[in-house]
C-alpha atoms as a PDB file:
ATOM      1  CA  UNK A   1     -91.551 -91.271  22.310  1.00  0.00           C
ATOM      2  CA  UNK A   2     -91.006 -92.819  18.905  1.00  0.00           C
ATOM      3  CA  UNK A   3     -92.975 -95.929  17.953  1.00  0.00           C
ATOM      4  CA  UNK A   4     -91.104 -98.751  16.292  1.00  0.00           C
ATOM      5  CA  UNK A   5     -92.450 -99.662  12.880  1.00  0.00           C
ATOM      6  CA  UNK A   6     -93.143-103.338  12.361  1.00  0.00           C
ATOM      7  CA  UNK A   7     -90.994-104.928   9.700  1.00  0.00           C
ATOM      8  CA  UNK A   8     -93.123-105.997   6.750  1.00  0.00           C
ATOM      9  CA  UNK A   9     -92.172-109.350   5.316  1.00  0.00           C
ATOM     10  CA  UNK A  10     -93.167-111.643   2.464  1.00  0.00           C
ATOM     11  CA  UNK A  11     -92.402-115.334   2.794  1.00  0.00           C
ATOM     12  CA  UNK A  12     -93.267-118.518   0.960  1.00  0.00           C
ATOM     13  CA  UNK A  13     -94.037-122.007   2.212  1.00  0.00           C
ATOM     14  CA  UNK A  14     -93.393-124.736  -0.363  1.00  0.00           C
ATOM     15  CA  UNK A  15     -95.049-128.149  -0.414  1.00  0.00           C
ATOM     16  CA  UNK A  16     -93.529-130.740  -2.775  1.00  0.00           C
ATOM     17  CA  UNK A  17     -93.488-134.505  -2.466  1.00  0.00           C
ATOM     18  CA  UNK A  18     -93.621-137.468  -4.794  1.00  0.00           C
ATOM     19  CA  UNK A  19     -96.897-139.349  -4.340  1.00  0.00           C
ATOM     20  CA  UNK A  20     -96.967-143.037  -5.226  1.00  0.00           C
ATOM     21  CA  UNK A  21     -99.509-144.429  -7.697  1.00  0.00           C
ATOM     22  CA  UNK A  22    -103.029-144.867  -6.321  1.00  0.00           C
ATOM     23  CA  UNK A  23    -102.264-143.133  -3.025  1.00  0.00           C
ATOM     24  CA  UNK A  24    -102.817-139.842  -1.290  1.00  0.00           C
ATOM     25  CA  UNK A  25    -100.940-137.725   1.233  1.00  0.00           C
ATOM     26  CA  UNK A  26    -101.598-134.769   3.483  1.00  0.00           C
ATOM     27  CA  UNK A  27     -98.582-132.477   3.760  1.00  0.00           C
ATOM     28  CA  UNK A  28     -98.361-130.029   6.664  1.00  0.00           C
ATOM     29  CA  UNK A  29     -96.264-126.990   7.559  1.00  0.00           C
ATOM     30  CA  UNK A  30     -96.515-124.140  10.053  1.00  0.00           C
ATOM     31  CA  UNK A  31     -96.924-120.508   9.058  1.00  0.00           C
ATOM     32  CA  UNK A  32     -93.650-118.714   9.821  1.00  0.00           C
ATOM     33  CA  UNK A  33     -95.298-115.284  10.266  1.00  0.00           C
ATOM     34  CA  UNK A  34     -98.651-113.673  11.072  1.00  0.00           C
ATOM     35  CA  UNK A  35    -100.267-112.091   8.036  1.00  0.00           C
ATOM     36  CA  UNK A  36    -102.353-112.807   4.981  1.00  0.00           C
ATOM     37  CA  UNK A  37    -101.971-115.554   2.406  1.00  0.00           C
ATOM     38  CA  UNK A  38    -102.048-113.587  -0.847  1.00  0.00           C
ATOM     39  CA  UNK A  39    -101.212-116.209  -3.487  1.00  0.00           C
ATOM     40  CA  UNK A  40    -101.457-119.930  -4.011  1.00  0.00           C
ATOM     41  CA  UNK A  41     -99.294-121.323  -6.825  1.00  0.00           C
ATOM     42  CA  UNK A  42    -100.025-124.885  -7.917  1.00  0.00           C
ATOM     43  CA  UNK A  43     -97.785-126.886 -10.258  1.00  0.00           C
ATOM     44  CA  UNK A  44     -98.524-130.141 -12.079  1.00  0.00           C
ATOM     45  CA  UNK A  45     -95.648-131.532 -14.159  1.00  0.00           C
ATOM     46  CA  UNK A  46     -96.272-132.921 -17.616  1.00  0.00           C
ATOM     47  CA  UNK A  47     -97.684-136.438 -17.372  1.00  0.00           C
ATOM     48  CA  UNK A  48    -100.105-135.796 -14.502  1.00  0.00           C
ATOM     49  CA  UNK A  49    -102.907-135.861 -17.095  1.00  0.00           C
ATOM     50  CA  UNK A  50    -105.455-134.480 -14.606  1.00  0.00           C
ATOM     51  CA  UNK A  51    -105.031-137.639 -12.510  1.00  0.00           C
ATOM     52  CA  UNK A  52    -103.393-135.791  -9.586  1.00  0.00           C
ATOM     53  CA  UNK A  53    -105.850-133.863  -7.439  1.00  0.00           C
ATOM     54  CA  UNK A  54    -104.643-131.112  -5.110  1.00  0.00           C
ATOM     55  CA  UNK A  55    -106.332-128.911  -2.476  1.00  0.00           C
ATOM     56  CA  UNK A  56    -104.987-126.355   0.022  1.00  0.00           C
ATOM     57  CA  UNK A  57    -106.451-126.041   3.534  1.00  0.00           C
ATOM     58  CA  UNK A  58    -105.955-123.930   6.641  1.00  0.00           C
ATOM     59  CA  UNK A  59    -108.087-122.686   9.512  1.00  0.00           C
ATOM     60  CA  UNK A  60    -108.991-119.591   7.567  1.00  0.00           C
ATOM     61  CA  UNK A  61    -110.061-121.310   4.367  1.00  0.00           C
ATOM     62  CA  UNK A  62    -109.790-123.949   1.688  1.00  0.00           C
ATOM     63  CA  UNK A  63    -108.901-123.703  -1.983  1.00  0.00           C
ATOM     64  CA  UNK A  64    -110.720-124.684  -4.015  1.00  0.00           C
ATOM     65  CA  UNK A  65    -113.731-124.144  -1.792  1.00  0.00           C
ATOM     66  CA  UNK A  66    -115.172-127.544  -2.781  1.00  0.00           C
ATOM     67  CA  UNK A  67    -113.327-130.487  -4.307  1.00  0.00           C
ATOM     68  CA  UNK A  68    -109.849-130.481  -5.824  1.00  0.00           C
ATOM     69  CA  UNK A  69    -107.880-129.036  -8.735  1.00  0.00           C
ATOM     70  CA  UNK A  70    -106.393-131.460 -11.284  1.00  0.00           C
ATOM     71  CA  UNK A  71    -104.394-130.296 -14.319  1.00  0.00           C
ATOM     72  CA  UNK A  72    -101.480-131.331 -16.527  1.00  0.00           C
ATOM     73  CA  UNK A  73     -98.283-129.398 -17.314  1.00  0.00           C
ATOM     74  CA  UNK A  74     -99.677-126.263 -15.689  1.00  0.00           C
ATOM     75  CA  UNK A  75     -98.707-123.684 -13.063  1.00  0.00           C
ATOM     76  CA  UNK A  76    -101.702-121.468 -12.242  1.00  0.00           C
ATOM     77  CA  UNK A  77    -101.405-118.691  -9.642  1.00  0.00           C
ATOM     78  CA  UNK A  78    -104.514-117.805  -7.640  1.00  0.00           C
ATOM     79  CA  UNK A  79    -104.930-114.528  -5.746  1.00  0.00           C
ATOM     80  CA  UNK A  80    -106.517-115.125  -2.332  1.00  0.00           C
ATOM     81  CA  UNK A  81    -106.898-113.311   0.973  1.00  0.00           C
ATOM     82  CA  UNK A  82    -106.730-115.679   3.938  1.00  0.00           C
ATOM     83  CA  UNK A  83    -105.680-114.332   7.352  1.00  0.00           C
ATOM     84  CA  UNK A  84    -103.270-116.552   9.295  1.00  0.00           C
ATOM     85  CA  UNK A  85    -101.484-116.419  12.639  1.00  0.00           C
ATOM     86  CA  UNK A  86     -97.891-117.415  13.265  1.00  0.00           C
ATOM     87  CA  UNK A  87     -97.486-121.185  13.828  1.00  0.00           C
ATOM     88  CA  UNK A  88    -100.835-122.021  12.259  1.00  0.00           C
ATOM     89  CA  UNK A  89    -101.065-125.355  10.413  1.00  0.00           C
ATOM     90  CA  UNK A  90    -101.193-125.254   6.615  1.00  0.00           C
ATOM     91  CA  UNK A  91    -102.172-128.394   4.710  1.00  0.00           C
ATOM     92  CA  UNK A  92    -101.963-129.588   1.140  1.00  0.00           C
ATOM     93  CA  UNK A  93    -103.879-132.737   0.248  1.00  0.00           C
ATOM     94  CA  UNK A  94    -102.732-134.673  -2.813  1.00  0.00           C
ATOM     95  CA  UNK A  95    -104.596-137.616  -4.339  1.00  0.00           C
ATOM     96  CA  UNK A  96    -102.802-139.511  -7.090  1.00  0.00           C
ATOM     97  CA  UNK A  97    -105.481-141.454  -8.961  1.00  0.00           C
ATOM     98  CA  UNK A  98    -102.991-142.660 -11.573  1.00  0.00           C
ATOM     99  CA  UNK A  99    -102.852-146.409 -11.045  1.00  0.00           C
ATOM    100  CA  UNK A 100     -99.382-146.800 -12.575  1.00  0.00           C
ATOM    101  CA  UNK A 101     -97.138-143.752 -12.102  1.00  0.00           C
ATOM    102  CA  UNK A 102     -95.954-141.663  -9.137  1.00  0.00           C
ATOM    103  CA  UNK A 103     -96.248-137.881  -9.533  1.00  0.00           C
ATOM    104  CA  UNK A 104     -94.709-134.839  -7.835  1.00  0.00           C
ATOM    105  CA  UNK A 105     -97.019-131.806  -7.797  1.00  0.00           C
ATOM    106  CA  UNK A 106     -96.142-128.740  -5.743  1.00  0.00           C
ATOM    107  CA  UNK A 107     -97.882-125.837  -4.036  1.00  0.00           C
ATOM    108  CA  UNK A 108     -96.291-122.541  -3.025  1.00  0.00           C
ATOM    109  CA  UNK A 109     -98.122-120.453  -0.403  1.00  0.00           C
ATOM    110  CA  UNK A 110     -97.183-116.746  -0.346  1.00  0.00           C
ATOM    111  CA  UNK A 111     -97.755-114.952   2.952  1.00  0.00           C
ATOM    112  CA  UNK A 112     -97.450-111.198   3.472  1.00  0.00           C
ATOM    113  CA  UNK A 113     -97.227-110.048   7.063  1.00  0.00           C
ATOM    114  CA  UNK A 114     -94.965-108.804   9.821  1.00  0.00           C
ATOM    115  CA  UNK A 115     -91.861-110.350  11.308  1.00  0.00           C
END
């Protein structure tokens, strides 16, 4: 009897929302597949001036491990290995410490797994 091969899949979950001055938000999404988070891509548009702090969280980990990342006009990609199950909650916490301007950072979570 032949065994069916599982279909390998790579998917991305994107978090992007404008955050008002002097506020914070927690954005949530569910993992669409079971697998491993392999990359976290953070983006701060020009003008954030390190006043917008961002962190990624899920049951299997947090990035950065302690605290937040805060940059300006930057899009770093971090290689990670965080196991996740389908329908698990992913969170991105954004703190805008700029007292005047709203900002719109984004985070892209890349998951490799099986459909």
